[in-house]
Amino acid sequence: MSLIEHVAELRRRLLYCFVSLLVGFLVCYNFAGSIINFLMAPLADIMSQVGGSTNRMIYTDLTEGFFTHLKAGFFGAIIISVPVFIYNLWAFVAPGLYKDERKAFFPFLLASPILFMLGASLVYFGIIPLAWKFLLGFQASSADMVMPVQLEARVADYLSLIINLIIGFGVCFQMPLVIILLVWAGLISVATLVKTRRYAVVTIFVISAFATPPDVISQIGLALPLLLLYEVSLFASSMVEKRRERQ
């Protein structure tokens, strides 16, 4: 294929992804209320346990409720469109690979959504309840302070926070695939990864600090699984490197 044909094929694949995202948004917008309930459930549970909370969410702008539903619909569209994105990526890349390369690359496409859902599930069911309980602990009643201090959460801010956490954890959990692909392509060696492990640890904690709220629970909750995944990546990369050298 010529360069123009490659560009045309890329445009066609991107168009399919856009149409999938648009259709997914139109569907998910009708269920925006259910999506918002799903995202608010962890905070509602912790509020009922902690006590002293307002047990409600507010919005302070007239259009905020509408844009909140748009945001929830778009979030749902991204989640359900991931298989379409992956398929079109595979359909664009596969014709340019040899048969053995296609066999080696295909498992990465299958593992990517699994790792994303693993990261999203970890933060939703594990990290968020602990972090919310810790953060809500800074509320105070009138017996403790001159005036009671209670959370009046804006629904738009809360949805932005929890959506960023879910997507951030899912994306960070793609790290093993990136490392193994770099080793498989011969762009980096396992020896280099082992030698630079201390820098990788620092980088992981820095990423965790920027990708999570400013609380220790969320940061450690992301850093520890990433450290474990990094070690797993080293083990898997060593096997890939040995196999590539034999071939």
C-alpha atoms as a PDB file:
ATOM      1  CA  MET A   1       0.000   0.000   0.000  1.00  0.00           C
ATOM      2  CA  SER A   2       1.128   3.538  -0.719  1.00  0.00           C
ATOM      3  CA  LEU A   3       1.343   6.256   1.922  1.00  0.00           C
ATOM      4  CA  ILE A   4      -1.970   7.736   0.749  1.00  0.00           C
ATOM      5  CA  GLU A   5      -3.626   4.323   1.018  1.00  0.00           C
ATOM      6  CA  HIS A   6      -2.264   3.894   4.549  1.00  0.00           C
ATOM      7  CA  VAL A   7      -3.632   7.303   5.527  1.00  0.00           C
ATOM      8  CA  ALA A   8      -6.999   6.451   4.000  1.00  0.00           C
ATOM      9  CA  GLU A   9      -7.098   3.161   5.897  1.00  0.00           C
ATOM     10  CA  LEU A  10      -6.190   4.946   9.135  1.00  0.00           C
ATOM     11  CA  ARG A  11      -8.942   7.486   8.516  1.00  0.00           C
ATOM     12  CA  ARG A  12     -11.436   4.686   7.940  1.00  0.00           C
ATOM     13  CA  ARG A  13     -10.473   2.952  11.185  1.00  0.00           C
ATOM     14  CA  LEU A  14     -10.687   6.204  13.135  1.00  0.00           C
ATOM     15  CA  LEU A  15     -14.103   6.848  11.608  1.00  0.00           C
ATOM     16  CA  TYR A  16     -15.313   3.440  12.824  1.00  0.00           C
ATOM     17  CA  CYS A  17     -14.033   4.268  16.319  1.00  0.00           C
ATOM     18  CA  PHE A  18     -15.761   7.655  16.266  1.00  0.00           C
ATOM     19  CA  VAL A  19     -19.062   6.149  15.132  1.00  0.00           C
ATOM     20  CA  SER A  20     -18.793   3.490  17.838  1.00  0.00           C
ATOM     21  CA  LEU A  21     -18.148   6.184  20.446  1.00  0.00           C
ATOM     22  CA  LEU A  22     -21.080   8.257  19.196  1.00  0.00           C
ATOM     23  CA  VAL A  23     -23.501   5.311  19.209  1.00  0.00           C
ATOM     24  CA  GLY A  24     -22.237   4.273  22.645  1.00  0.00           C
ATOM     25  CA  PHE A  25     -22.795   7.803  23.934  1.00  0.00           C
ATOM     26  CA  LEU A  26     -26.365   7.928  22.614  1.00  0.00           C
ATOM     27  CA  VAL A  27     -27.097   4.627  24.333  1.00  0.00           C
ATOM     28  CA  CYS A  28     -25.316   5.415  27.601  1.00  0.00           C
ATOM     29  CA  TYR A  29     -26.855   8.881  27.898  1.00  0.00           C
ATOM     30  CA  ASN A  30     -30.250   7.199  28.345  1.00  0.00           C
ATOM     31  CA  PHE A  31     -28.736   5.333  31.314  1.00  0.00           C
ATOM     32  CA  ALA A  32     -26.768   8.303  32.666  1.00  0.00           C
ATOM     33  CA  GLY A  33     -28.734   8.219  35.923  1.00  0.00           C
ATOM     34  CA  SER A  34     -27.777   4.592  36.542  1.00  0.00           C
ATOM     35  CA  ILE A  35     -24.123   5.319  35.720  1.00  0.00           C
ATOM     36  CA  ILE A  36     -24.100   8.263  38.139  1.00  0.00           C
ATOM     37  CA  ASN A  37     -25.685   6.075  40.830  1.00  0.00           C
ATOM     38  CA  PHE A  38     -22.991   3.447  40.255  1.00  0.00           C
ATOM     39  CA  LEU A  39     -20.239   6.053  40.598  1.00  0.00           C
ATOM     40  CA  MET A  40     -21.816   7.681  43.678  1.00  0.00           C
ATOM     41  CA  ALA A  41     -22.444   4.364  45.480  1.00  0.00           C
ATOM     42  CA  PRO A  42     -19.009   4.185  47.239  1.00  0.00           C
ATOM     43  CA  LEU A  43     -19.410   7.700  48.660  1.00  0.00           C
ATOM     44  CA  ALA A  44     -23.006   7.039  49.735  1.00  0.00           C
ATOM     45  CA  ASP A  45     -21.971   3.845  51.553  1.00  0.00           C
ATOM     46  CA  ILE A  46     -19.133   5.537  53.426  1.00  0.00           C
ATOM     47  CA  MET A  47     -21.301   8.553  54.306  1.00  0.00           C
ATOM     48  CA  SER A  48     -23.897   6.254  55.871  1.00  0.00           C
ATOM     49  CA  GLN A  49     -21.164   4.507  57.901  1.00  0.00           C
ATOM     50  CA  VAL A  50     -19.222   7.552  59.063  1.00  0.00           C
ATOM     51  CA  GLY A  51     -22.165   9.664  60.177  1.00  0.00           C
ATOM     52  CA  GLY A  52     -22.250  13.414  60.529  1.00  0.00           C
ATOM     53  CA  SER A  53     -22.439  13.821  56.752  1.00  0.00           C
ATOM     54  CA  THR A  54     -25.040  15.658  54.744  1.00  0.00           C
ATOM     55  CA  ASN A  55     -25.769  12.505  52.697  1.00  0.00           C
ATOM     56  CA  ARG A  56     -26.450  14.520  49.599  1.00  0.00           C
ATOM     57  CA  MET A  57     -24.683  16.036  46.611  1.00  0.00           C
ATOM     58  CA  ILE A  58     -25.197  19.498  45.182  1.00  0.00           C
ATOM     59  CA  TYR A  59     -24.582  21.439  42.013  1.00  0.00           C
ATOM     60  CA  THR A  60     -23.979  25.165  42.035  1.00  0.00           C
ATOM     61  CA  ASP A  61     -24.387  26.001  38.367  1.00  0.00           C
ATOM     62  CA  LEU A  62     -27.641  25.852  36.448  1.00  0.00           C
ATOM     63  CA  THR A  63     -26.107  23.795  33.614  1.00  0.00           C
ATOM     64  CA  GLU A  64     -24.029  21.541  35.870  1.00  0.00           C
ATOM     65  CA  GLY A  65     -26.657  18.809  36.119  1.00  0.00           C
ATOM     66  CA  PHE A  66     -26.955  18.571  32.337  1.00  0.00           C
ATOM     67  CA  PHE A  67     -23.189  18.427  31.777  1.00  0.00           C
ATOM     68  CA  THR A  68     -22.894  15.842  34.523  1.00  0.00           C
ATOM     69  CA  HIS A  69     -25.211  13.548  32.593  1.00  0.00           C
ATOM     70  CA  LEU A  70     -23.187  14.209  29.432  1.00  0.00           C
ATOM     71  CA  LYS A  71     -19.998  13.288  31.273  1.00  0.00           C
ATOM     72  CA  ALA A  72     -21.539  10.074  32.610  1.00  0.00           C
ATOM     73  CA  GLY A  73     -22.796   9.117  29.141  1.00  0.00           C
ATOM     74  CA  PHE A  74     -19.380   9.765  27.600  1.00  0.00           C
ATOM     75  CA  PHE A  75     -17.672   7.710  30.319  1.00  0.00           C
ATOM     76  CA  GLY A  76     -19.986   4.779  29.636  1.00  0.00           C
ATOM     77  CA  ALA A  77     -19.410   5.146  25.884  1.00  0.00           C
ATOM     78  CA  ILE A  78     -15.649   4.909  26.333  1.00  0.00           C
ATOM     79  CA  ILE A  79     -15.957   1.748  28.416  1.00  0.00           C
ATOM     80  CA  ILE A  80     -18.227  -0.112  26.004  1.00  0.00           C
ATOM     81  CA  SER A  81     -16.312   1.100  22.919  1.00  0.00           C
ATOM     82  CA  VAL A  82     -12.967  -0.315  24.061  1.00  0.00           C
ATOM     83  CA  PRO A  83     -13.450  -3.638  22.176  1.00  0.00           C
ATOM     84  CA  VAL A  84     -14.182  -1.703  18.968  1.00  0.00           C
ATOM     85  CA  PHE A  85     -11.053   0.424  19.461  1.00  0.00           C
ATOM     86  CA  ILE A  86      -8.929  -2.686  19.996  1.00  0.00           C
ATOM     87  CA  TYR A  87     -10.381  -4.481  16.977  1.00  0.00           C
ATOM     88  CA  ASN A  88      -9.725  -1.524  14.669  1.00  0.00           C
ATOM     89  CA  LEU A  89      -6.193  -1.194  16.001  1.00  0.00           C
ATOM     90  CA  TRP A  90      -5.652  -4.865  15.232  1.00  0.00           C
ATOM     91  CA  ALA A  91      -7.259  -4.554  11.789  1.00  0.00           C
ATOM     92  CA  PHE A  92      -4.949  -1.645  10.928  1.00  0.00           C
ATOM     93  CA  VAL A  93      -1.716  -3.193  12.245  1.00  0.00           C
ATOM     94  CA  ALA A  94      -2.187  -6.895  11.416  1.00  0.00           C
ATOM     95  CA  PRO A  95      -1.744  -6.694   7.605  1.00  0.00           C
ATOM     96  CA  GLY A  96       1.747  -5.244   8.133  1.00  0.00           C
ATOM     97  CA  LEU A  97       2.917  -8.083  10.398  1.00  0.00           C
ATOM     98  CA  TYR A  98       4.342 -11.477   9.589  1.00  0.00           C
ATOM     99  CA  LYS A  99       2.392 -14.538  10.640  1.00  0.00           C
ATOM    100  CA  ASP A 100       4.544 -15.203  13.726  1.00  0.00           C
ATOM    101  CA  GLU A 101       4.374 -11.516  14.649  1.00  0.00           C
ATOM    102  CA  ARG A 102       0.574 -11.595  14.475  1.00  0.00           C
ATOM    103  CA  LYS A 103       0.542 -14.609  16.770  1.00  0.00           C
ATOM    104  CA  ALA A 104       2.799 -12.808  19.239  1.00  0.00           C
ATOM    105  CA  PHE A 105       0.935  -9.486  19.086  1.00  0.00           C
ATOM    106  CA  PHE A 106      -2.614 -10.826  19.343  1.00  0.00           C
ATOM    107  CA  PRO A 107      -2.376 -11.876  23.051  1.00  0.00           C
ATOM    108  CA  PHE A 108      -1.428  -8.310  23.950  1.00  0.00           C
ATOM    109  CA  LEU A 109      -4.721  -7.070  22.514  1.00  0.00           C
ATOM    110  CA  LEU A 110      -6.633  -9.616  24.583  1.00  0.00           C
ATOM    111  CA  ALA A 111      -4.708  -8.792  27.755  1.00  0.00           C
ATOM    112  CA  SER A 112      -5.154  -5.022  27.440  1.00  0.00           C
ATOM    113  CA  PRO A 113      -8.894  -4.798  28.332  1.00  0.00           C
ATOM    114  CA  ILE A 114      -8.428  -7.447  31.044  1.00  0.00           C
ATOM    115  CA  LEU A 115      -5.699  -5.382  32.714  1.00  0.00           C
ATOM    116  CA  PHE A 116      -7.781  -2.223  32.319  1.00  0.00           C
ATOM    117  CA  MET A 117     -10.774  -3.821  34.046  1.00  0.00           C
ATOM    118  CA  LEU A 118      -8.478  -5.230  36.733  1.00  0.00           C
ATOM    119  CA  GLY A 119      -7.148  -1.750  37.494  1.00  0.00           C
ATOM    120  CA  ALA A 120     -10.620  -0.185  37.389  1.00  0.00           C
ATOM    121  CA  SER A 121     -12.037  -2.886  39.697  1.00  0.00           C
ATOM    122  CA  LEU A 122      -9.150  -2.481  42.141  1.00  0.00           C
ATOM    123  CA  VAL A 123      -9.700   1.245  42.543  1.00  0.00           C
ATOM    124  CA  TYR A 124     -13.517   1.041  42.664  1.00  0.00           C
ATOM    125  CA  PHE A 125     -13.896  -1.861  45.081  1.00  0.00           C
ATOM    126  CA  GLY A 126     -10.638  -1.599  47.035  1.00  0.00           C
ATOM    127  CA  ILE A 127      -8.958   1.798  47.043  1.00  0.00           C
ATOM    128  CA  ILE A 128     -11.905   4.214  46.832  1.00  0.00           C
ATOM    129  CA  PRO A 129     -13.801   2.959  49.916  1.00  0.00           C
ATOM    130  CA  LEU A 130     -10.635   3.258  52.040  1.00  0.00           C
ATOM    131  CA  ALA A 131      -9.725   6.678  50.611  1.00  0.00           C
ATOM    132  CA  TRP A 132     -13.244   8.076  51.007  1.00  0.00           C
ATOM    133  CA  LYS A 133     -13.422   6.863  54.610  1.00  0.00           C
ATOM    134  CA  PHE A 134     -10.072   8.516  55.360  1.00  0.00           C
ATOM    135  CA  LEU A 135     -11.031  11.814  53.699  1.00  0.00           C
ATOM    136  CA  LEU A 136     -14.461  11.960  55.335  1.00  0.00           C
ATOM    137  CA  GLY A 137     -12.742  11.550  58.685  1.00  0.00           C
ATOM    138  CA  PHE A 138     -11.830  15.237  58.566  1.00  0.00           C
ATOM    139  CA  GLN A 139     -15.460  16.224  59.134  1.00  0.00           C
ATOM    140  CA  ALA A 140     -16.216  17.587  62.567  1.00  0.00           C
ATOM    141  CA  SER A 141     -19.363  18.094  64.612  1.00  0.00           C
ATOM    142  CA  SER A 142     -20.310  21.185  66.617  1.00  0.00           C
ATOM    143  CA  ALA A 143     -19.045  19.385  69.723  1.00  0.00           C
ATOM    144  CA  ASP A 144     -15.531  19.293  68.300  1.00  0.00           C
ATOM    145  CA  MET A 145     -15.357  22.703  66.650  1.00  0.00           C
ATOM    146  CA  VAL A 146     -17.035  26.082  66.936  1.00  0.00           C
ATOM    147  CA  MET A 147     -19.047  25.266  63.801  1.00  0.00           C
ATOM    148  CA  PRO A 148     -19.661  21.829  62.274  1.00  0.00           C
ATOM    149  CA  VAL A 149     -17.537  20.929  59.244  1.00  0.00           C
ATOM    150  CA  GLN A 150     -19.417  18.767  56.746  1.00  0.00           C
ATOM    151  CA  LEU A 151     -18.864  17.713  53.168  1.00  0.00           C
ATOM    152  CA  GLU A 152     -21.051  19.436  50.574  1.00  0.00           C
ATOM    153  CA  ALA A 153     -19.807  17.591  47.503  1.00  0.00           C
ATOM    154  CA  ARG A 154     -20.477  19.031  44.054  1.00  0.00           C
ATOM    155  CA  VAL A 155     -21.641  16.246  41.772  1.00  0.00           C
ATOM    156  CA  ALA A 156     -19.521  17.474  38.829  1.00  0.00           C
ATOM    157  CA  ASP A 157     -16.321  17.570  40.900  1.00  0.00           C
ATOM    158  CA  TYR A 158     -16.998  14.155  42.378  1.00  0.00           C
ATOM    159  CA  LEU A 159     -17.681  12.527  39.018  1.00  0.00           C
ATOM    160  CA  SER A 160     -14.532  14.057  37.538  1.00  0.00           C
ATOM    161  CA  LEU A 161     -12.500  12.696  40.448  1.00  0.00           C
ATOM    162  CA  ILE A 162     -13.813   9.140  40.388  1.00  0.00           C
ATOM    163  CA  ILE A 163     -13.792   8.885  36.558  1.00  0.00           C
ATOM    164  CA  ASN A 164     -10.184  10.099  36.472  1.00  0.00           C
ATOM    165  CA  LEU A 165      -9.287   7.521  39.124  1.00  0.00           C
ATOM    166  CA  ILE A 166     -10.943   4.635  37.278  1.00  0.00           C
ATOM    167  CA  ILE A 167      -9.428   5.546  33.907  1.00  0.00           C
ATOM    168  CA  GLY A 168      -6.071   6.397  35.495  1.00  0.00           C
ATOM    169  CA  PHE A 169      -5.789   3.035  37.244  1.00  0.00           C
ATOM    170  CA  GLY A 170      -6.877   1.225  34.074  1.00  0.00           C
ATOM    171  CA  VAL A 171      -4.278   3.017  31.952  1.00  0.00           C
ATOM    172  CA  CYS A 172      -1.487   2.537  34.515  1.00  0.00           C
ATOM    173  CA  PHE A 173      -2.199  -1.190  34.537  1.00  0.00           C
ATOM    174  CA  GLN A 174      -1.155  -1.272  30.848  1.00  0.00           C
ATOM    175  CA  MET A 175       2.469  -0.850  31.971  1.00  0.00           C
ATOM    176  CA  PRO A 176       3.381  -4.589  31.736  1.00  0.00           C
ATOM    177  CA  LEU A 177       2.186  -4.730  28.125  1.00  0.00           C
ATOM    178  CA  VAL A 178       4.268  -1.679  27.186  1.00  0.00           C
ATOM    179  CA  ILE A 179       7.398  -3.106  28.814  1.00  0.00           C
ATOM    180  CA  ILE A 180       6.973  -6.554  27.253  1.00  0.00           C
ATOM    181  CA  LEU A 181       6.324  -5.033  23.814  1.00  0.00           C
ATOM    182  CA  LEU A 182       9.494  -2.925  24.066  1.00  0.00           C
ATOM    183  CA  VAL A 183      11.517  -6.017  24.975  1.00  0.00           C
ATOM    184  CA  TRP A 184       9.843  -8.070  22.235  1.00  0.00           C
ATOM    185  CA  ALA A 185      10.693  -5.375  19.676  1.00  0.00           C
ATOM    186  CA  GLY A 186      14.309  -5.299  20.863  1.00  0.00           C
ATOM    187  CA  LEU A 187      14.109  -1.623  21.901  1.00  0.00           C
ATOM    188  CA  ILE A 188      15.140  -2.372  25.481  1.00  0.00           C
ATOM    189  CA  SER A 189      16.718  -5.322  27.258  1.00  0.00           C
ATOM    190  CA  VAL A 190      15.812  -7.056  30.491  1.00  0.00           C
ATOM    191  CA  ALA A 191      19.300  -6.299  31.815  1.00  0.00           C
ATOM    192  CA  THR A 192      18.609  -2.587  31.378  1.00  0.00           C
ATOM    193  CA  LEU A 193      15.266  -2.907  33.151  1.00  0.00           C
ATOM    194  CA  VAL A 194      16.903  -4.700  36.082  1.00  0.00           C
ATOM    195  CA  LYS A 195      19.714  -2.150  36.241  1.00  0.00           C
ATOM    196  CA  THR A 196      17.260   0.768  36.309  1.00  0.00           C
ATOM    197  CA  ARG A 197      14.828  -0.822  38.774  1.00  0.00           C
ATOM    198  CA  ARG A 198      15.490   1.834  41.445  1.00  0.00           C
ATOM    199  CA  TYR A 199      14.581   4.582  38.990  1.00  0.00           C
ATOM    200  CA  ALA A 200      11.462   2.672  37.990  1.00  0.00           C
ATOM    201  CA  VAL A 201      10.381   2.528  41.651  1.00  0.00           C
ATOM    202  CA  VAL A 202      10.774   6.291  42.009  1.00  0.00           C
ATOM    203  CA  THR A 203       8.929   6.879  38.727  1.00  0.00           C
ATOM    204  CA  ILE A 204       6.051   4.654  39.822  1.00  0.00           C
ATOM    205  CA  PHE A 205       5.618   6.594  43.078  1.00  0.00           C
ATOM    206  CA  VAL A 206       5.757   9.901  41.187  1.00  0.00           C
ATOM    207  CA  ILE A 207       3.092   8.692  38.727  1.00  0.00           C
ATOM    208  CA  SER A 208       0.962   7.474  41.634  1.00  0.00           C
ATOM    209  CA  ALA A 209       1.234  10.873  43.320  1.00  0.00           C
ATOM    210  CA  PHE A 210       0.002  12.693  40.211  1.00  0.00           C
ATOM    211  CA  ALA A 211      -2.656  10.133  39.204  1.00  0.00           C
ATOM    212  CA  THR A 212      -4.437   9.981  42.568  1.00  0.00           C
ATOM    213  CA  PRO A 213      -5.902  12.443  45.092  1.00  0.00           C
ATOM    214  CA  PRO A 214      -3.456  13.870  47.657  1.00  0.00           C
ATOM    215  CA  ASP A 215      -3.978  11.115  50.196  1.00  0.00           C
ATOM    216  CA  VAL A 216      -1.544   8.377  51.164  1.00  0.00           C
ATOM    217  CA  ILE A 217      -4.058   5.534  50.763  1.00  0.00           C
ATOM    218  CA  SER A 218      -4.738   6.172  47.072  1.00  0.00           C
ATOM    219  CA  GLN A 219      -1.088   6.767  46.247  1.00  0.00           C
ATOM    220  CA  ILE A 220       0.146   3.601  47.950  1.00  0.00           C
ATOM    221  CA  GLY A 221      -2.876   1.691  46.600  1.00  0.00           C
ATOM    222  CA  LEU A 222      -1.716   2.454  43.055  1.00  0.00           C
ATOM    223  CA  ALA A 223       2.047   2.266  43.644  1.00  0.00           C
ATOM    224  CA  LEU A 224       2.133  -1.210  45.227  1.00  0.00           C
ATOM    225  CA  PRO A 225       0.202  -2.987  42.421  1.00  0.00           C
ATOM    226  CA  LEU A 226       2.358  -1.187  39.835  1.00  0.00           C
ATOM    227  CA  LEU A 227       5.514  -2.354  41.593  1.00  0.00           C
ATOM    228  CA  LEU A 228       4.176  -5.903  41.551  1.00  0.00           C
ATOM    229  CA  LEU A 229       3.261  -5.585  37.876  1.00  0.00           C
ATOM    230  CA  TYR A 230       6.747  -4.251  37.131  1.00  0.00           C
ATOM    231  CA  GLU A 231       8.314  -7.347  38.673  1.00  0.00           C
ATOM    232  CA  VAL A 232       5.904  -9.561  36.738  1.00  0.00           C
ATOM    233  CA  SER A 233       6.868  -7.639  33.595  1.00  0.00           C
ATOM    234  CA  LEU A 234      10.557  -8.387  34.225  1.00  0.00           C
ATOM    235  CA  PHE A 235       9.840 -12.099  34.543  1.00  0.00           C
ATOM    236  CA  ALA A 236       7.638 -12.195  31.430  1.00  0.00           C
ATOM    237  CA  SER A 237      10.095 -10.028  29.491  1.00  0.00           C
ATOM    238  CA  SER A 238      12.972 -12.393  30.273  1.00  0.00           C
ATOM    239  CA  MET A 239      10.986 -15.271  28.784  1.00  0.00           C
ATOM    240  CA  VAL A 240      10.124 -13.184  25.712  1.00  0.00           C
ATOM    241  CA  GLU A 241      13.737 -12.125  25.272  1.00  0.00           C
ATOM    242  CA  LYS A 242      15.037 -15.699  25.479  1.00  0.00           C
ATOM    243  CA  ARG A 243      12.443 -16.866  22.967  1.00  0.00           C
ATOM    244  CA  ARG A 244      13.278 -14.013  20.599  1.00  0.00           C
ATOM    245  CA  GLU A 245      16.997 -14.808  20.800  1.00  0.00           C
ATOM    246  CA  ARG A 246      16.334 -18.489  20.020  1.00  0.00           C
ATOM    247  CA  GLN A 247      14.233 -17.540  16.999  1.00  0.00           C
END
